[in-house]
C-alpha atoms as a PDB file:
ATOM      1  CA  MET A   1     131.408  75.870  11.196  1.00  0.00           C
ATOM      2  CA  LYS A   2     130.699  78.597  14.135  1.00  0.00           C
ATOM      3  CA  LEU A   3     128.487  75.753  16.345  1.00  0.00           C
ATOM      4  CA  VAL A   4     131.842  73.661  15.823  1.00  0.00           C
ATOM      5  CA  ARG A   5     134.256  76.536  16.865  1.00  0.00           C
ATOM      6  CA  MET A   6     132.061  77.470  20.279  1.00  0.00           C
ATOM      7  CA  LEU A   7     132.185  73.607  21.157  1.00  0.00           C
ATOM      8  CA  LEU A   8     135.642  73.431  20.632  1.00  0.00           C
ATOM      9  CA  VAL A   9     136.286  76.613  23.021  1.00  0.00           C
ATOM     10  CA  THR A  10     134.051  75.211  25.452  1.00  0.00           C
ATOM     11  CA  CYS A  11     136.201  72.056  25.778  1.00  0.00           C
ATOM     12  CA  ALA A  12     139.211  73.580  25.725  1.00  0.00           C
ATOM     13  CA  CYS A  13     137.550  76.170  28.771  1.00  0.00           C
ATOM     14  CA  ALA A  14     136.840  72.894  30.512  1.00  0.00           C
ATOM     15  CA  LEU A  15     140.021  71.410  30.552  1.00  0.00           C
ATOM     16  CA  THR A  16     142.221  74.443  31.314  1.00  0.00           C
ATOM     17  CA  GLY A  17     140.074  75.008  34.469  1.00  0.00           C
ATOM     18  CA  LEU A  18     141.046  71.469  35.715  1.00  0.00           C
ATOM     19  CA  VAL A  19     144.845  72.033  34.820  1.00  0.00           C
ATOM     20  CA  GLY A  20     144.868  75.809  36.376  1.00  0.00           C
ATOM     21  CA  GLY A  21     141.993  77.865  37.307  1.00  0.00           C
ATOM     22  CA  GLY A  22     143.867  80.670  38.419  1.00  0.00           C
ATOM     23  CA  LEU A  23     144.441  79.374  41.943  1.00  0.00           C
ATOM     24  CA  ALA A  24     148.467  79.788  41.788  1.00  0.00           C
ATOM     25  CA  ALA A  25     147.799  83.721  40.701  1.00  0.00           C
ATOM     26  CA  SER A  26     145.337  84.658  43.515  1.00  0.00           C
ATOM     27  CA  ALA A  27     147.008  82.750  46.066  1.00  0.00           C
ATOM     28  CA  ALA A  28     150.098  84.721  46.116  1.00  0.00           C
ATOM     29  CA  VAL A  29     150.833  88.291  46.588  1.00  0.00           C
ATOM     30  CA  ALA A  30     150.125  91.555  44.246  1.00  0.00           C
ATOM     31  CA  ALA A  31     152.710  94.295  44.352  1.00  0.00           C
ATOM     32  CA  PRO A  32     151.441  97.650  45.763  1.00  0.00           C
ATOM     33  CA  VAL A  33     149.329  98.848  42.570  1.00  0.00           C
ATOM     34  CA  GLU A  34     147.862  95.925  41.527  1.00  0.00           C
ATOM     35  CA  ALA A  35     146.127  95.178  45.538  1.00  0.00           C
ATOM     36  CA  ALA A  36     145.274  98.663  45.651  1.00  0.00           C
ATOM     37  CA  TYR A  37     143.038  97.908  42.490  1.00  0.00           C
ATOM     38  CA  GLN A  38     142.287  94.287  43.909  1.00  0.00           C
ATOM     39  CA  ALA A  39     140.546  95.421  46.447  1.00  0.00           C
ATOM     40  CA  THR A  40     136.708  96.742  46.558  1.00  0.00           C
ATOM     41  CA  GLY A  41     136.750 100.063  45.802  1.00  0.00           C
ATOM     42  CA  PRO A  42     134.939 102.846  47.754  1.00  0.00           C
ATOM     43  CA  TRP A  43     131.309 102.862  46.306  1.00  0.00           C
ATOM     44  CA  ALA A  44     128.294 101.030  47.196  1.00  0.00           C
ATOM     45  CA  VAL A  45     126.904  98.941  44.242  1.00  0.00           C
ATOM     46  CA  SER A  46     123.641  98.630  42.709  1.00  0.00           C
ATOM     47  CA  THR A  47     122.111  96.539  39.745  1.00  0.00           C
ATOM     48  CA  ALA A  48     119.448  96.458  37.612  1.00  0.00           C
ATOM     49  CA  THR A  49     118.053  94.708  34.078  1.00  0.00           C
ATOM     50  CA  VAL A  50     117.113  96.479  31.597  1.00  0.00           C
ATOM     51  CA  ASN A  51     114.421  95.141  29.328  1.00  0.00           C
ATOM     52  CA  ASP A  52     113.044  95.338  25.804  1.00  0.00           C
ATOM     53  CA  SER A  53     109.581  96.358  25.102  1.00  0.00           C
ATOM     54  CA  SER A  54     108.689  92.409  24.966  1.00  0.00           C
ATOM     55  CA  GLY A  55     109.983  92.383  28.433  1.00  0.00           C
ATOM     56  CA  ARG A  56     112.979  90.689  27.526  1.00  0.00           C
ATOM     57  CA  ALA A  57     115.982  91.423  29.297  1.00  0.00           C
ATOM     58  CA  ILE A  58     118.947  93.111  26.952  1.00  0.00           C
ATOM     59  CA  TYR A  59     121.126  94.667  29.256  1.00  0.00           C
ATOM     60  CA  GLN A  60     122.520  93.933  33.215  1.00  0.00           C
ATOM     61  CA  LEU A  61     123.657  97.196  34.871  1.00  0.00           C
ATOM     62  CA  SER A  62     126.336  97.534  37.602  1.00  0.00           C
ATOM     63  CA  TYR A  63     126.608 101.162  38.844  1.00  0.00           C
ATOM     64  CA  PRO A  64     127.541 103.197  41.824  1.00  0.00           C
ATOM     65  CA  THR A  65     124.809 103.461  44.389  1.00  0.00           C
ATOM     66  CA  ASP A  66     124.992 107.016  45.470  1.00  0.00           C
ATOM     67  CA  LEU A  67     125.139 108.136  41.545  1.00  0.00           C
ATOM     68  CA  GLY A  68     126.745 111.267  41.277  1.00  0.00           C
ATOM     69  CA  ARG A  69     127.956 112.059  45.125  1.00  0.00           C
ATOM     70  CA  GLY A  70     130.365 114.715  45.844  1.00  0.00           C
ATOM     71  CA  GLY A  71     129.570 116.015  42.002  1.00  0.00           C
ATOM     72  CA  VAL A  72     131.342 113.184  40.319  1.00  0.00           C
ATOM     73  CA  ARG A  73     129.987 111.833  36.813  1.00  0.00           C
ATOM     74  CA  HIS A  74     130.972 108.458  36.093  1.00  0.00           C
ATOM     75  CA  PRO A  75     132.626 107.186  33.079  1.00  0.00           C
ATOM     76  CA  ILE A  76     130.866 103.761  31.317  1.00  0.00           C
ATOM     77  CA  ILE A  77     132.538 100.961  30.591  1.00  0.00           C
ATOM     78  CA  THR A  78     130.554  98.512  28.080  1.00  0.00           C
ATOM     79  CA  TRP A  79     131.038  94.569  28.355  1.00  0.00           C
ATOM     80  CA  GLY A  80     130.949  91.797  25.813  1.00  0.00           C
ATOM     81  CA  ASN A  81     130.781  88.294  27.184  1.00  0.00           C
ATOM     82  CA  GLY A  82     132.407  85.373  25.510  1.00  0.00           C
ATOM     83  CA  SER A  83     130.771  82.609  24.156  1.00  0.00           C
ATOM     84  CA  LEU A  84     127.794  81.129  25.278  1.00  0.00           C
ATOM     85  CA  ALA A  85     128.221  83.339  28.798  1.00  0.00           C
ATOM     86  CA  THR A  86     125.817  85.905  29.967  1.00  0.00           C
ATOM     87  CA  PRO A  87     126.593  88.823  32.672  1.00  0.00           C
ATOM     88  CA  ALA A  88     125.735  86.542  35.433  1.00  0.00           C
ATOM     89  CA  ASP A  89     128.968  84.379  34.350  1.00  0.00           C
ATOM     90  CA  TYR A  90     131.077  87.774  35.386  1.00  0.00           C
ATOM     91  CA  PRO A  91     129.530  88.984  38.864  1.00  0.00           C
ATOM     92  CA  GLY A  92     132.963  89.703  40.272  1.00  0.00           C
ATOM     93  CA  LEU A  93     134.293  91.742  37.885  1.00  0.00           C
ATOM     94  CA  LEU A  94     131.524  93.599  36.695  1.00  0.00           C
ATOM     95  CA  ASN A  95     130.512  94.738  40.272  1.00  0.00           C
ATOM     96  CA  HIS A  96     134.279  95.185  40.943  1.00  0.00           C
ATOM     97  CA  LEU A  97     134.408  97.915  38.340  1.00  0.00           C
ATOM     98  CA  ALA A  98     131.363  99.407  39.621  1.00  0.00           C
ATOM     99  CA  SER A  99     132.742  99.773  42.997  1.00  0.00           C
ATOM    100  CA  TRP A 100     135.662 101.863  41.406  1.00  0.00           C
ATOM    101  CA  GLY A 101     132.993 104.355  40.248  1.00  0.00           C
ATOM    102  CA  PHE A 102     132.064 103.122  36.835  1.00  0.00           C
ATOM    103  CA  ALA A 103     128.655 102.937  35.427  1.00  0.00           C
ATOM    104  CA  VAL A 104     128.902  99.261  33.981  1.00  0.00           C
ATOM    105  CA  VAL A 105     126.539  98.319  30.987  1.00  0.00           C
ATOM    106  CA  ALA A 106     126.711  94.171  30.071  1.00  0.00           C
ATOM    107  CA  SER A 107     124.654  92.793  26.951  1.00  0.00           C
ATOM    108  CA  THR A 108     122.642  89.516  27.907  1.00  0.00           C
ATOM    109  CA  SER A 109     123.970  88.244  24.396  1.00  0.00           C
ATOM    110  CA  SER A 110     126.168  85.068  24.424  1.00  0.00           C
ATOM    111  CA  THR A 111     127.276  86.143  20.916  1.00  0.00           C
ATOM    112  CA  THR A 112     129.116  89.615  21.024  1.00  0.00           C
ATOM    113  CA  GLY A 113     131.771  88.769  18.514  1.00  0.00           C
ATOM    114  CA  LYS A 114     130.173  91.431  15.793  1.00  0.00           C
ATOM    115  CA  GLY A 115     130.081  94.372  18.738  1.00  0.00           C
ATOM    116  CA  THR A 116     126.965  95.406  17.818  1.00  0.00           C
ATOM    117  CA  GLU A 117     125.495  94.505  21.155  1.00  0.00           C
ATOM    118  CA  ILE A 118     128.568  96.329  22.874  1.00  0.00           C
ATOM    119  CA  LEU A 119     129.386  99.238  21.260  1.00  0.00           C
ATOM    120  CA  ALA A 120     124.773  99.522  21.522  1.00  0.00           C
ATOM    121  CA  GLY A 121     125.312  99.035  25.387  1.00  0.00           C
ATOM    122  CA  ALA A 122     127.481 102.124  25.678  1.00  0.00           C
ATOM    123  CA  GLN A 123     125.277 104.129  23.595  1.00  0.00           C
ATOM    124  CA  TYR A 124     122.451 103.155  25.913  1.00  0.00           C
ATOM    125  CA  LEU A 125     124.273 104.860  28.923  1.00  0.00           C
ATOM    126  CA  VAL A 126     125.092 107.999  26.834  1.00  0.00           C
ATOM    127  CA  ALA A 127     121.618 108.571  26.108  1.00  0.00           C
ATOM    128  CA  ARG A 128     120.358 107.785  29.599  1.00  0.00           C
ATOM    129  CA  ALA A 129     122.847 110.653  30.673  1.00  0.00           C
ATOM    130  CA  SER A 130     120.551 113.248  29.355  1.00  0.00           C
ATOM    131  CA  ASP A 131     117.654 111.338  29.854  1.00  0.00           C
ATOM    132  CA  PRO A 132     115.351 113.481  32.986  1.00  0.00           C
ATOM    133  CA  SER A 133     113.171 110.335  33.653  1.00  0.00           C
ATOM    134  CA  SER A 134     116.777 108.376  34.048  1.00  0.00           C
ATOM    135  CA  ILE A 135     118.670 107.800  37.208  1.00  0.00           C
ATOM    136  CA  PHE A 136     121.855 108.381  35.574  1.00  0.00           C
ATOM    137  CA  ASN A 137     120.926 112.049  34.156  1.00  0.00           C
ATOM    138  CA  GLY A 138     123.670 114.278  34.396  1.00  0.00           C
ATOM    139  CA  LYS A 139     125.767 111.473  36.431  1.00  0.00           C
ATOM    140  CA  LEU A 140     127.801 110.145  33.756  1.00  0.00           C
ATOM    141  CA  ASP A 141     130.769 110.972  32.014  1.00  0.00           C
ATOM    142  CA  THR A 142     130.249 110.340  28.211  1.00  0.00           C
ATOM    143  CA  ALA A 143     133.641 111.705  27.515  1.00  0.00           C
ATOM    144  CA  HIS A 144     135.234 108.622  28.511  1.00  0.00           C
ATOM    145  CA  VAL A 145     133.611 105.423  27.824  1.00  0.00           C
ATOM    146  CA  GLY A 146     135.129 102.238  27.859  1.00  0.00           C
ATOM    147  CA  ALA A 147     134.780  98.895  26.529  1.00  0.00           C
ATOM    148  CA  ALA A 148     135.850  95.653  27.782  1.00  0.00           C
ATOM    149  CA  GLY A 149     135.257  91.759  27.210  1.00  0.00           C
ATOM    150  CA  HIS A 150     136.055  88.254  27.215  1.00  0.00           C
ATOM    151  CA  SER A 151     137.061  85.885  24.211  1.00  0.00           C
ATOM    152  CA  GLN A 152     134.276  85.912  22.035  1.00  0.00           C
ATOM    153  CA  GLY A 153     133.179  89.053  23.836  1.00  0.00           C
ATOM    154  CA  SER A 154     137.301  90.605  23.307  1.00  0.00           C
ATOM    155  CA  GLY A 155     136.712  90.603  19.363  1.00  0.00           C
ATOM    156  CA  GLY A 156     133.431  92.256  19.841  1.00  0.00           C
ATOM    157  CA  THR A 157     135.031  94.599  22.000  1.00  0.00           C
ATOM    158  CA  ILE A 158     137.926  95.515  19.341  1.00  0.00           C
ATOM    159  CA  ASN A 159     134.824  96.014  16.872  1.00  0.00           C
ATOM    160  CA  ALA A 160     133.028  98.030  18.795  1.00  0.00           C
ATOM    161  CA  THR A 161     135.854 100.121  19.671  1.00  0.00           C
ATOM    162  CA  THR A 162     136.970 100.515  16.005  1.00  0.00           C
ATOM    163  CA  ARG A 163     133.550 101.430  14.614  1.00  0.00           C
ATOM    164  CA  SER A 164     131.955 103.690  17.652  1.00  0.00           C
ATOM    165  CA  GLY A 165     133.328 106.889  15.713  1.00  0.00           C
ATOM    166  CA  GLY A 166     135.512 107.629  18.952  1.00  0.00           C
ATOM    167  CA  LEU A 167     133.100 107.334  21.566  1.00  0.00           C
ATOM    168  CA  ILE A 168     134.706 104.537  23.119  1.00  0.00           C
ATOM    169  CA  THR A 169     138.158 105.876  24.353  1.00  0.00           C
ATOM    170  CA  SER A 170     139.713 102.847  26.113  1.00  0.00           C
ATOM    171  CA  SER A 171     139.538  99.011  25.970  1.00  0.00           C
ATOM    172  CA  ALA A 172     140.562  96.166  27.515  1.00  0.00           C
ATOM    173  CA  VAL A 173     140.558  92.328  26.432  1.00  0.00           C
ATOM    174  CA  TRP A 174     140.687  88.789  27.978  1.00  0.00           C
ATOM    175  CA  ALA A 175     141.820  85.818  25.943  1.00  0.00           C
ATOM    176  CA  LEU A 176     141.333  87.845  22.379  1.00  0.00           C
ATOM    177  CA  PRO A 177     141.151  84.482  20.374  1.00  0.00           C
ATOM    178  CA  ALA A 178     143.711  83.547  17.387  1.00  0.00           C
ATOM    179  CA  SER A 179     142.361  84.052  13.955  1.00  0.00           C
ATOM    180  CA  ILE A 180     141.758  80.291  13.566  1.00  0.00           C
ATOM    181  CA  TRP A 181     138.557  80.673  15.987  1.00  0.00           C
ATOM    182  CA  VAL A 182     137.056  83.830  14.847  1.00  0.00           C
ATOM    183  CA  SER A 183     133.882  83.025  13.176  1.00  0.00           C
ATOM    184  CA  ARG A 184     132.597  84.606   9.653  1.00  0.00           C
ATOM    185  CA  GLY A 185     131.449  87.743   9.969  1.00  0.00           C
ATOM    186  CA  ASP A 186     133.200  88.801  13.671  1.00  0.00           C
ATOM    187  CA  GLU A 187     136.668  89.320  12.583  1.00  0.00           C
ATOM    188  CA  PHE A 188     138.376  91.840  13.844  1.00  0.00           C
ATOM    189  CA  ASP A 189     141.572  94.640  13.133  1.00  0.00           C
ATOM    190  CA  VAL A 190     143.680  95.696  16.029  1.00  0.00           C
ATOM    191  CA  ARG A 191     145.653  97.614  13.499  1.00  0.00           C
ATOM    192  CA  ALA A 192     142.719  99.597  13.242  1.00  0.00           C
ATOM    193  CA  LEU A 193     143.027 100.505  17.151  1.00  0.00           C
ATOM    194  CA  THR A 194     143.929 104.130  17.905  1.00  0.00           C
ATOM    195  CA  THR A 195     142.849 104.076  21.460  1.00  0.00           C
ATOM    196  CA  PRO A 196     144.439 102.587  24.733  1.00  0.00           C
ATOM    197  CA  THR A 197     144.143  98.857  25.135  1.00  0.00           C
ATOM    198  CA  PHE A 198     144.797  96.518  27.429  1.00  0.00           C
ATOM    199  CA  PHE A 199     145.529  93.095  25.975  1.00  0.00           C
ATOM    200  CA  MET A 200     145.299  90.287  28.709  1.00  0.00           C
ATOM    201  CA  GLY A 201     145.512  86.474  28.643  1.00  0.00           C
ATOM    202  CA  GLY A 202     146.054  83.057  31.185  1.00  0.00           C
ATOM    203  CA  GLN A 203     149.302  81.245  30.931  1.00  0.00           C
ATOM    204  CA  TRP A 204     147.363  77.967  30.304  1.00  0.00           C
ATOM    205  CA  ASP A 205     145.118  79.373  27.822  1.00  0.00           C
ATOM    206  CA  VAL A 206     147.134  77.164  25.317  1.00  0.00           C
ATOM    207  CA  LEU A 207     144.424  76.168  22.643  1.00  0.00           C
ATOM    208  CA  ILE A 208     141.982  79.293  21.995  1.00  0.00           C
ATOM    209  CA  ALA A 209     144.539  82.697  23.181  1.00  0.00           C
ATOM    210  CA  GLY A 210     148.136  81.726  24.564  1.00  0.00           C
ATOM    211  CA  PRO A 211     150.518  83.995  25.460  1.00  0.00           C
ATOM    212  CA  GLY A 212     151.893  84.056  21.788  1.00  0.00           C
ATOM    213  CA  VAL A 213     148.660  85.391  20.797  1.00  0.00           C
ATOM    214  CA  VAL A 214     148.401  88.076  23.416  1.00  0.00           C
ATOM    215  CA  THR A 215     152.199  89.139  22.553  1.00  0.00           C
ATOM    216  CA  ASP A 216     151.333  89.265  18.610  1.00  0.00           C
ATOM    217  CA  TYR A 217     147.911  91.357  19.152  1.00  0.00           C
ATOM    218  CA  TYR A 218     150.123  93.533  21.404  1.00  0.00           C
ATOM    219  CA  ARG A 219     152.575  93.948  18.408  1.00  0.00           C
ATOM    220  CA  ALA A 220     150.136  94.485  15.696  1.00  0.00           C
ATOM    221  CA  ALA A 221     148.200  97.160  17.713  1.00  0.00           C
ATOM    222  CA  GLY A 222     148.044 100.263  15.829  1.00  0.00           C
ATOM    223  CA  GLY A 223     147.575 102.276  18.913  1.00  0.00           C
ATOM    224  CA  PRO A 224     148.717 102.761  22.493  1.00  0.00           C
ATOM    225  CA  ALA A 225     148.717  99.376  24.189  1.00  0.00           C
ATOM    226  CA  ALA A 226     149.770  97.174  26.914  1.00  0.00           C
ATOM    227  CA  ALA A 227     150.000  93.666  27.702  1.00  0.00           C
ATOM    228  CA  ALA A 228     150.296  90.813  30.198  1.00  0.00           C
ATOM    229  CA  VAL A 229     149.564  87.103  30.820  1.00  0.00           C
ATOM    230  CA  LEU A 230     148.571  85.968  34.490  1.00  0.00           C
ATOM    231  CA  LYS A 231     150.336  83.166  35.679  1.00  0.00           C
ATOM    232  CA  GLY A 232     148.628  80.180  36.762  1.00  0.00           C
ATOM    233  CA  ALA A 233     145.349  81.382  34.897  1.00  0.00           C
ATOM    234  CA  ASP A 234     143.181  79.946  32.173  1.00  0.00           C
ATOM    235  CA  HIS A 235     140.384  81.103  29.659  1.00  0.00           C
ATOM    236  CA  ASN A 236     137.622  81.210  31.928  1.00  0.00           C
ATOM    237  CA  THR A 237     139.475  82.613  34.785  1.00  0.00           C
ATOM    238  CA  ILE A 238     138.127  86.161  34.480  1.00  0.00           C
ATOM    239  CA  GLN A 239     134.648  84.573  35.141  1.00  0.00           C
ATOM    240  CA  ARG A 240     133.069  83.881  39.003  1.00  0.00           C
ATOM    241  CA  THR A 241     135.190  86.157  41.402  1.00  0.00           C
ATOM    242  CA  GLY A 242     137.176  87.481  38.487  1.00  0.00           C
ATOM    243  CA  GLY A 243     140.437  86.147  40.139  1.00  0.00           C
ATOM    244  CA  GLY A 244     143.880  87.781  39.577  1.00  0.00           C
ATOM    245  CA  THR A 245     142.276  89.940  36.566  1.00  0.00           C
ATOM    246  CA  LEU A 246     140.548  92.215  38.686  1.00  0.00           C
ATOM    247  CA  GLY A 247     143.666  94.428  40.048  1.00  0.00           C
ATOM    248  CA  TYR A 248     145.117  95.647  36.722  1.00  0.00           C
ATOM    249  CA  LEU A 249     141.660  96.042  35.119  1.00  0.00           C
ATOM    250  CA  ALA A 250     140.239  98.090  37.301  1.00  0.00           C
ATOM    251  CA  ALA A 251     143.584 100.113  37.443  1.00  0.00           C
ATOM    252  CA  TRP A 252     143.413 100.295  33.754  1.00  0.00           C
ATOM    253  CA  PHE A 253     139.919 102.338  33.704  1.00  0.00           C
ATOM    254  CA  ARG A 254     140.808 104.532  36.323  1.00  0.00           C
ATOM    255  CA  TYR A 255     144.120 105.469  34.524  1.00  0.00           C
ATOM    256  CA  THR A 256     142.620 105.618  31.149  1.00  0.00           C
ATOM    257  CA  LEU A 257     139.154 106.896  32.015  1.00  0.00           C
ATOM    258  CA  SER A 258     139.373 108.835  35.512  1.00  0.00           C
ATOM    259  CA  GLY A 259     143.197 110.045  35.379  1.00  0.00           C
ATOM    260  CA  ASP A 260     144.027 108.530  38.132  1.00  0.00           C
ATOM    261  CA  THR A 261     148.059 109.026  38.775  1.00  0.00           C
ATOM    262  CA  THR A 262     148.257 106.081  41.418  1.00  0.00           C
ATOM    263  CA  ALA A 263     146.948 103.653  38.539  1.00  0.00           C
ATOM    264  CA  ARG A 264     148.931 105.183  35.886  1.00  0.00           C
ATOM    265  CA  SER A 265     151.864 104.638  37.369  1.00  0.00           C
ATOM    266  CA  ALA A 266     151.378 100.726  37.005  1.00  0.00           C
ATOM    267  CA  PHE A 267     151.192 101.443  33.239  1.00  0.00           C
ATOM    268  CA  ALA A 268     152.883 104.358  32.346  1.00  0.00           C
ATOM    269  CA  GLY A 269     156.248 106.332  33.663  1.00  0.00           C
ATOM    270  CA  SER A 270     159.350 105.613  33.785  1.00  0.00           C
ATOM    271  CA  THR A 271     159.172 102.249  35.875  1.00  0.00           C
ATOM    272  CA  PRO A 272     155.602 101.187  35.187  1.00  0.00           C
ATOM    273  CA  GLU A 273     154.909  98.158  37.760  1.00  0.00           C
ATOM    274  CA  LEU A 274     153.492  95.736  35.476  1.00  0.00           C
ATOM    275  CA  LEU A 275     156.712  95.617  33.864  1.00  0.00           C
ATOM    276  CA  SER A 276     158.030  93.617  36.988  1.00  0.00           C
ATOM    277  CA  ASN A 277     155.274  92.074  38.767  1.00  0.00           C
ATOM    278  CA  THR A 278     155.937  88.495  39.061  1.00  0.00           C
ATOM    279  CA  LEU A 279     152.516  87.262  38.999  1.00  0.00           C
ATOM    280  CA  TRP A 280     152.774  88.387  35.276  1.00  0.00           C
ATOM    281  CA  GLN A 281     154.569  87.243  32.260  1.00  0.00           C
ATOM    282  CA  ASN A 282     154.486  88.679  28.737  1.00  0.00           C
ATOM    283  CA  GLN A 283     154.224  92.290  30.021  1.00  0.00           C
ATOM    284  CA  ALA A 284     155.040  94.710  27.340  1.00  0.00           C
ATOM    285  CA  VAL A 285     153.836  98.537  27.273  1.00  0.00           C
ATOM    286  CA  LYS A 286     153.877 101.140  24.355  1.00  0.00           C
ATOM    287  CA  SER A 287     153.217 104.602  23.530  1.00  0.00           C
ATOM    288  CA  LEU A 288     151.229 105.127  26.927  1.00  0.00           C
ATOM    289  CA  PRO A 289     150.842 108.900  28.146  1.00  0.00           C
END
């Protein structure tokens, strides 16, 4: 059954790529806060691969080249791939987040629905923060850890967050699948969330995680939350360059992990920019500080 579901997801992704692809959204002009964080951040980015004892790659790292410059401690973001995908499918997003000052760890697994690899990635970087032999020693903000994922990896993000014992303090998910597509053992419960979560999806992702699915998960979330569906986008818009997903994803984590007041104005306050942004639909926010 799991294989059948994965094949159906793959077919749906190919179809929606032909229909939408996020081109309409990326061609339009973003709102001011979104545009600010859609641009590349102020940090140069380096990448590295982490291998296990057998030499197999288990994580890809994207991080600010000049770690700790000016005394900064960098929040951590752990990433979960969609079905059949690897970090190589998300270079735009992973490097973009690093350019905004985050240390990003991405599991190389293409089956991340349980959340085990996503949580382990966060724990790996937290451990490096106190490892004298690591370039991350003393350079990471281990009190502010985010998790993000795509499709199956979105379900894994929810599982990693709710099972992290408070380690993961903010989450963002793109195309969190409707329950019919979730394989046995990968089930997640958004009602168990207590930390801020951003539910995102594409207008043309009608089979796996349509606009109504995004809204339903947002409403069911047990903690503070935001929701938005990108017009003209499909299931896989978050892949490759990241398209129109980059601005608000970077802003979300700058707000929830770094205390950035400009980024906060996209989601909280008296007039959150997200709610009036015409590039998006199904926008909503609740209980955000």
